[in-house]
Amino acid sequence: MELKTPLYDVHVKAGGKIVPFAGYLLPVQYETGVIKEHMAVRTQAGLFDVSHMGEFWVKGPNALAFLQKVTSNNVAALAPGKVQYTCFPNEEGGIVDDLLVYQYDPQKYLLVVNA
């Protein structure tokens, strides 16, 4: 049985085409079509439901040094309460996946990763 995110009913009401993904029922597109959705995000705003995604805490005196090593952006540029969109690069310079890094304080970070 697939799980539903807190926004499931909102997705259905908005005409989302719901499909199973990583154990959850998620929208893959809406009735308006992907081009109109893309243009709305580019010219207005978009909302991405991340409640199905994994969460990892990185804490301690070496948290920043670790994140500087395993992500592609400058995590030191973050301030408490701020978030950074970044990626996990592989050894060949490609991308393993994207993620969000939230700084709670200089020794405490939350990573939101794909399921």
N, C-alpha and C. Protein backbone atom coordinates (compact mmCIF):
# COMPACT_ATOMS: atom_id res chain seq x y z
N MET A 1 0.83 -1.19 0.00
CA MET A 1 0.00 0.00 0.00
C MET A 1 0.88 1.25 0.00
N GLU A 2 0.66 2.12 -0.95
CA GLU A 2 1.44 3.35 -1.04
C GLU A 2 0.95 4.37 0.00
N LEU A 3 1.87 5.20 0.42
CA LEU A 3 1.57 6.27 1.37
C LEU A 3 1.11 7.51 0.63
N LYS A 4 0.43 8.39 1.35
CA LYS A 4 0.00 9.66 0.79
C LYS A 4 0.66 10.79 1.57
N THR A 5 1.13 11.80 0.87
CA THR A 5 1.72 12.95 1.54
C THR A 5 0.60 13.83 2.09
N PRO A 6 0.93 14.76 2.99
CA PRO A 6 -0.09 15.68 3.51
C PRO A 6 -0.77 16.50 2.41
N LEU A 7 -0.13 16.65 1.25
CA LEU A 7 -0.70 17.43 0.16
C LEU A 7 -1.42 16.57 -0.89
N TYR A 8 -1.61 15.29 -0.61
CA TYR A 8 -2.23 14.39 -1.58
C TYR A 8 -3.57 14.92 -2.10
N ASP A 9 -4.46 15.29 -1.19
CA ASP A 9 -5.79 15.77 -1.60
C ASP A 9 -5.70 17.05 -2.43
N VAL A 10 -4.73 17.90 -2.12
CA VAL A 10 -4.52 19.13 -2.89
C VAL A 10 -4.11 18.78 -4.32
N HIS A 11 -3.20 17.81 -4.45
CA HIS A 11 -2.76 17.36 -5.79
C HIS A 11 -3.93 16.81 -6.60
N VAL A 12 -4.75 15.98 -5.97
CA VAL A 12 -5.90 15.39 -6.66
C VAL A 12 -6.88 16.48 -7.08
N LYS A 13 -7.20 17.39 -6.16
CA LYS A 13 -8.14 18.48 -6.47
C LYS A 13 -7.62 19.36 -7.61
N ALA A 14 -6.28 19.52 -7.70
CA ALA A 14 -5.70 20.34 -8.76
C ALA A 14 -5.57 19.58 -10.08
N GLY A 15 -6.04 18.33 -10.12
CA GLY A 15 -6.00 17.57 -11.36
C GLY A 15 -4.71 16.84 -11.60
N GLY A 16 -3.95 16.55 -10.53
CA GLY A 16 -2.69 15.84 -10.69
C GLY A 16 -2.89 14.41 -11.14
N LYS A 17 -2.05 13.96 -12.08
CA LYS A 17 -2.04 12.56 -12.49
C LYS A 17 -1.19 11.83 -11.46
N ILE A 18 -1.82 11.03 -10.62
CA ILE A 18 -1.16 10.40 -9.48
C ILE A 18 -0.57 9.06 -9.90
N VAL A 19 0.70 8.85 -9.53
CA VAL A 19 1.40 7.60 -9.82
C VAL A 19 2.17 7.17 -8.58
N PRO A 20 2.44 5.86 -8.44
CA PRO A 20 3.27 5.42 -7.31
C PRO A 20 4.74 5.77 -7.56
N PHE A 21 5.40 6.29 -6.53
CA PHE A 21 6.82 6.62 -6.62
C PHE A 21 7.44 6.45 -5.24
N ALA A 22 8.42 5.58 -5.12
CA ALA A 22 9.18 5.37 -3.88
C ALA A 22 8.25 5.12 -2.69
N GLY A 23 7.16 4.38 -2.93
CA GLY A 23 6.25 4.05 -1.85
C GLY A 23 5.16 5.07 -1.58
N TYR A 24 5.14 6.15 -2.34
CA TYR A 24 4.13 7.21 -2.16
C TYR A 24 3.30 7.37 -3.43
N LEU A 25 2.12 7.93 -3.28
CA LEU A 25 1.29 8.32 -4.42
C LEU A 25 1.54 9.81 -4.66
N LEU A 26 2.16 10.12 -5.79
CA LEU A 26 2.58 11.49 -6.09
C LEU A 26 2.11 11.92 -7.47
N PRO A 27 1.93 13.23 -7.68
CA PRO A 27 1.55 13.71 -9.01
C PRO A 27 2.77 13.76 -9.92
N VAL A 28 2.60 13.29 -11.13
CA VAL A 28 3.69 13.36 -12.11
C VAL A 28 3.46 14.54 -13.05
N GLN A 29 2.20 14.92 -13.24
CA GLN A 29 1.86 16.11 -14.02
C GLN A 29 0.41 16.48 -13.73
N TYR A 30 0.01 17.63 -14.25
CA TYR A 30 -1.36 18.12 -14.04
C TYR A 30 -2.07 18.23 -15.38
N GLU A 31 -3.39 18.37 -15.33
CA GLU A 31 -4.23 18.39 -16.53
C GLU A 31 -3.81 19.48 -17.52
N THR A 32 -3.26 20.57 -17.02
CA THR A 32 -2.86 21.67 -17.89
C THR A 32 -1.68 21.32 -18.79
N GLY A 33 -0.91 20.29 -18.42
CA GLY A 33 0.22 19.85 -19.21
C GLY A 33 1.54 20.39 -18.67
N VAL A 34 2.61 19.70 -19.03
CA VAL A 34 3.92 20.03 -18.47
C VAL A 34 4.46 21.38 -18.96
N ILE A 35 4.14 21.78 -20.18
CA ILE A 35 4.66 23.06 -20.69
C ILE A 35 4.04 24.22 -19.93
N LYS A 36 2.73 24.19 -19.74
CA LYS A 36 2.07 25.26 -19.00
C LYS A 36 2.55 25.28 -17.54
N GLU A 37 2.72 24.10 -16.97
CA GLU A 37 3.24 24.01 -15.59
C GLU A 37 4.66 24.58 -15.51
N HIS A 38 5.49 24.23 -16.46
CA HIS A 38 6.86 24.74 -16.51
C HIS A 38 6.87 26.27 -16.61
N MET A 39 6.06 26.80 -17.51
CA MET A 39 6.02 28.25 -17.70
C MET A 39 5.48 28.96 -16.46
N ALA A 40 4.54 28.36 -15.77
CA ALA A 40 4.02 28.97 -14.53
C ALA A 40 5.12 29.05 -13.48
N VAL A 41 5.91 28.00 -13.36
CA VAL A 41 7.01 28.01 -12.39
C VAL A 41 8.07 29.04 -12.78
N ARG A 42 8.34 29.15 -14.07
CA ARG A 42 9.36 30.10 -14.54
C ARG A 42 8.92 31.56 -14.42
N THR A 43 7.63 31.83 -14.57
CA THR A 43 7.16 33.22 -14.60
C THR A 43 6.41 33.65 -13.35
N GLN A 44 5.96 32.70 -12.54
CA GLN A 44 5.19 33.03 -11.34
C GLN A 44 5.82 32.34 -10.13
N ALA A 45 5.31 31.19 -9.76
CA ALA A 45 5.84 30.44 -8.62
C ALA A 45 5.45 28.98 -8.75
N GLY A 46 6.16 28.13 -8.05
CA GLY A 46 5.86 26.71 -8.05
C GLY A 46 5.96 26.17 -6.63
N LEU A 47 5.32 25.04 -6.41
CA LEU A 47 5.34 24.37 -5.11
C LEU A 47 5.73 22.93 -5.36
N PHE A 48 6.72 22.46 -4.64
CA PHE A 48 7.15 21.07 -4.78
C PHE A 48 6.95 20.38 -3.44
N ASP A 49 6.18 19.32 -3.43
CA ASP A 49 5.88 18.57 -2.22
C ASP A 49 7.08 17.68 -1.89
N VAL A 50 7.81 18.01 -0.83
CA VAL A 50 9.00 17.24 -0.44
C VAL A 50 8.73 16.29 0.72
N SER A 51 7.47 16.14 1.11
CA SER A 51 7.18 15.35 2.30
C SER A 51 7.46 13.85 2.11
N HIS A 52 7.69 13.39 0.90
CA HIS A 52 8.03 11.99 0.66
C HIS A 52 9.54 11.76 0.68
N MET A 53 10.30 12.81 0.81
CA MET A 53 11.75 12.72 0.67
C MET A 53 12.43 12.34 1.98
N GLY A 54 13.65 11.84 1.87
CA GLY A 54 14.41 11.43 3.04
C GLY A 54 15.02 12.62 3.74
N GLU A 55 15.28 12.47 5.03
CA GLU A 55 15.90 13.53 5.84
C GLU A 55 17.07 12.95 6.62
N PHE A 56 18.20 13.65 6.58
CA PHE A 56 19.39 13.25 7.32
C PHE A 56 19.94 14.45 8.07
N TRP A 57 20.31 14.25 9.31
CA TRP A 57 20.96 15.30 10.09
C TRP A 57 22.46 15.12 10.02
N VAL A 58 23.17 16.23 9.85
CA VAL A 58 24.63 16.26 9.92
C VAL A 58 24.94 17.24 11.04
N LYS A 59 25.57 16.74 12.12
CA LYS A 59 25.80 17.55 13.31
C LYS A 59 27.23 17.42 13.79
N GLY A 60 27.67 18.44 14.50
CA GLY A 60 28.96 18.39 15.18
C GLY A 60 29.96 19.38 14.63
N PRO A 61 31.13 19.42 15.26
CA PRO A 61 32.15 20.41 14.89
C PRO A 61 32.69 20.24 13.47
N ASN A 62 32.56 19.06 12.88
CA ASN A 62 33.05 18.81 11.52
C ASN A 62 31.94 18.78 10.48
N ALA A 63 30.73 19.17 10.87
CA ALA A 63 29.59 19.12 9.95
C ALA A 63 29.83 19.96 8.70
N LEU A 64 30.25 21.20 8.88
CA LEU A 64 30.48 22.07 7.72
C LEU A 64 31.58 21.52 6.82
N ALA A 65 32.68 21.08 7.39
CA ALA A 65 33.78 20.54 6.57
C ALA A 65 33.31 19.32 5.78
N PHE A 66 32.51 18.47 6.40
CA PHE A 66 31.99 17.30 5.71
C PHE A 66 31.11 17.70 4.54
N LEU A 67 30.18 18.64 4.78
CA LEU A 67 29.26 19.06 3.71
C LEU A 67 30.00 19.80 2.60
N GLN A 68 31.03 20.53 2.93
CA GLN A 68 31.83 21.20 1.90
C GLN A 68 32.49 20.16 0.99
N LYS A 69 32.81 19.00 1.55
CA LYS A 69 33.48 17.96 0.79
C LYS A 69 32.51 17.15 -0.07
N VAL A 70 31.28 16.92 0.40
CA VAL A 70 30.38 16.01 -0.31
C VAL A 70 29.30 16.69 -1.13
N THR A 71 29.19 18.03 -1.08
CA THR A 71 28.23 18.74 -1.92
C THR A 71 28.98 19.69 -2.84
N SER A 72 28.28 20.20 -3.85
CA SER A 72 28.96 21.01 -4.87
C SER A 72 28.93 22.52 -4.62
N ASN A 73 28.10 22.99 -3.70
CA ASN A 73 28.02 24.43 -3.43
C ASN A 73 28.76 24.80 -2.17
N ASN A 74 28.88 26.08 -1.91
CA ASN A 74 29.57 26.59 -0.73
C ASN A 74 28.60 26.64 0.45
N VAL A 75 28.58 25.59 1.23
CA VAL A 75 27.68 25.50 2.38
C VAL A 75 28.02 26.58 3.40
N ALA A 76 29.27 27.04 3.44
CA ALA A 76 29.68 28.10 4.37
C ALA A 76 28.93 29.40 4.12
N ALA A 77 28.34 29.55 2.95
CA ALA A 77 27.58 30.76 2.63
C ALA A 77 26.21 30.79 3.31
N LEU A 78 25.79 29.65 3.86
CA LEU A 78 24.49 29.60 4.53
C LEU A 78 24.54 30.30 5.88
N ALA A 79 23.38 30.77 6.30
CA ALA A 79 23.19 31.34 7.63
C ALA A 79 22.08 30.55 8.30
N PRO A 80 21.99 30.57 9.61
CA PRO A 80 20.91 29.84 10.28
C PRO A 80 19.53 30.21 9.71
N GLY A 81 18.74 29.17 9.43
CA GLY A 81 17.40 29.36 8.88
C GLY A 81 17.37 29.42 7.36
N LYS A 82 18.50 29.34 6.71
CA LYS A 82 18.57 29.41 5.25
C LYS A 82 18.77 28.01 4.66
N VAL A 83 18.42 27.89 3.38
CA VAL A 83 18.53 26.61 2.68
C VAL A 83 19.29 26.81 1.37
N GLN A 84 19.92 25.74 0.93
CA GLN A 84 20.70 25.77 -0.30
C GLN A 84 20.34 24.55 -1.15
N TYR A 85 20.06 24.78 -2.42
CA TYR A 85 19.85 23.69 -3.38
C TYR A 85 21.21 23.32 -3.93
N THR A 86 21.57 22.05 -3.89
CA THR A 86 22.90 21.63 -4.31
C THR A 86 22.83 20.21 -4.84
N CYS A 87 23.98 19.59 -5.05
CA CYS A 87 24.00 18.21 -5.51
C CYS A 87 25.16 17.45 -4.89
N PHE A 88 25.03 16.12 -4.96
CA PHE A 88 26.11 15.22 -4.58
C PHE A 88 26.86 14.88 -5.86
N PRO A 89 28.08 15.37 -6.04
CA PRO A 89 28.84 14.97 -7.23
C PRO A 89 29.49 13.61 -7.01
N ASN A 90 29.77 12.92 -8.10
CA ASN A 90 30.51 11.66 -7.99
C ASN A 90 31.98 11.92 -8.29
N GLU A 91 32.79 10.90 -8.23
CA GLU A 91 34.25 11.05 -8.41
C GLU A 91 34.63 11.48 -9.82
N GLU A 92 33.76 11.26 -10.80
CA GLU A 92 34.05 11.63 -12.19
C GLU A 92 33.54 13.03 -12.53
N GLY A 93 32.94 13.72 -11.56
CA GLY A 93 32.41 15.05 -11.82
C GLY A 93 30.97 15.06 -12.26
N GLY A 94 30.35 13.89 -12.32
CA GLY A 94 28.92 13.82 -12.63
C GLY A 94 28.10 14.05 -11.38
N ILE A 95 26.79 13.95 -11.51
CA ILE A 95 25.90 14.20 -10.39
C ILE A 95 25.21 12.90 -9.98
N VAL A 96 25.34 12.56 -8.70
CA VAL A 96 24.63 11.40 -8.16
C VAL A 96 23.16 11.77 -7.99
N ASP A 97 22.89 12.92 -7.35
CA ASP A 97 21.52 13.38 -7.15
C ASP A 97 21.55 14.79 -6.57
N ASP A 98 20.38 15.42 -6.57
CA ASP A 98 20.27 16.74 -5.98
C ASP A 98 19.70 16.63 -4.57
N LEU A 99 19.86 17.69 -3.78
CA LEU A 99 19.38 17.70 -2.41
C LEU A 99 19.25 19.13 -1.92
N LEU A 100 18.63 19.28 -0.76
CA LEU A 100 18.53 20.57 -0.08
C LEU A 100 19.34 20.49 1.21
N VAL A 101 20.08 21.56 1.52
CA VAL A 101 20.84 21.65 2.77
C VAL A 101 20.29 22.83 3.56
N TYR A 102 19.75 22.55 4.75
CA TYR A 102 19.23 23.58 5.65
C TYR A 102 20.22 23.76 6.78
N GLN A 103 20.57 25.01 7.09
CA GLN A 103 21.42 25.25 8.25
C GLN A 103 20.56 25.66 9.44
N TYR A 104 20.67 24.91 10.53
CA TYR A 104 19.99 25.27 11.77
C TYR A 104 20.92 26.12 12.62
N ASP A 105 22.17 25.73 12.69
CA ASP A 105 23.24 26.54 13.28
C ASP A 105 24.54 26.04 12.66
N PRO A 106 25.67 26.69 12.92
CA PRO A 106 26.90 26.32 12.23
C PRO A 106 27.38 24.88 12.44
N GLN A 107 26.78 24.18 13.39
CA GLN A 107 27.16 22.78 13.62
C GLN A 107 25.98 21.82 13.46
N LYS A 108 24.91 22.28 12.82
CA LYS A 108 23.72 21.44 12.68
C LYS A 108 23.02 21.74 11.36
N TYR A 109 22.95 20.70 10.50
CA TYR A 109 22.37 20.84 9.16
C TYR A 109 21.38 19.71 8.92
N LEU A 110 20.34 20.02 8.17
CA LEU A 110 19.36 19.02 7.75
C LEU A 110 19.50 18.86 6.24
N LEU A 111 19.68 17.62 5.77
CA LEU A 111 19.72 17.33 4.34
C LEU A 111 18.39 16.69 3.96
N VAL A 112 17.76 17.21 2.91
CA VAL A 112 16.54 16.62 2.36
C VAL A 112 16.92 16.04 1.01
N VAL A 113 16.82 14.71 0.94
CA VAL A 113 17.32 13.97 -0.23
C VAL A 113 16.18 13.23 -0.91
N ASN A 114 16.38 12.85 -2.16
CA ASN A 114 15.37 12.11 -2.89
C ASN A 114 15.16 10.74 -2.27
N ALA A 115 13.92 10.26 -2.38
CA ALA A 115 13.58 8.95 -1.86
C ALA A 115 14.35 7.88 -2.62
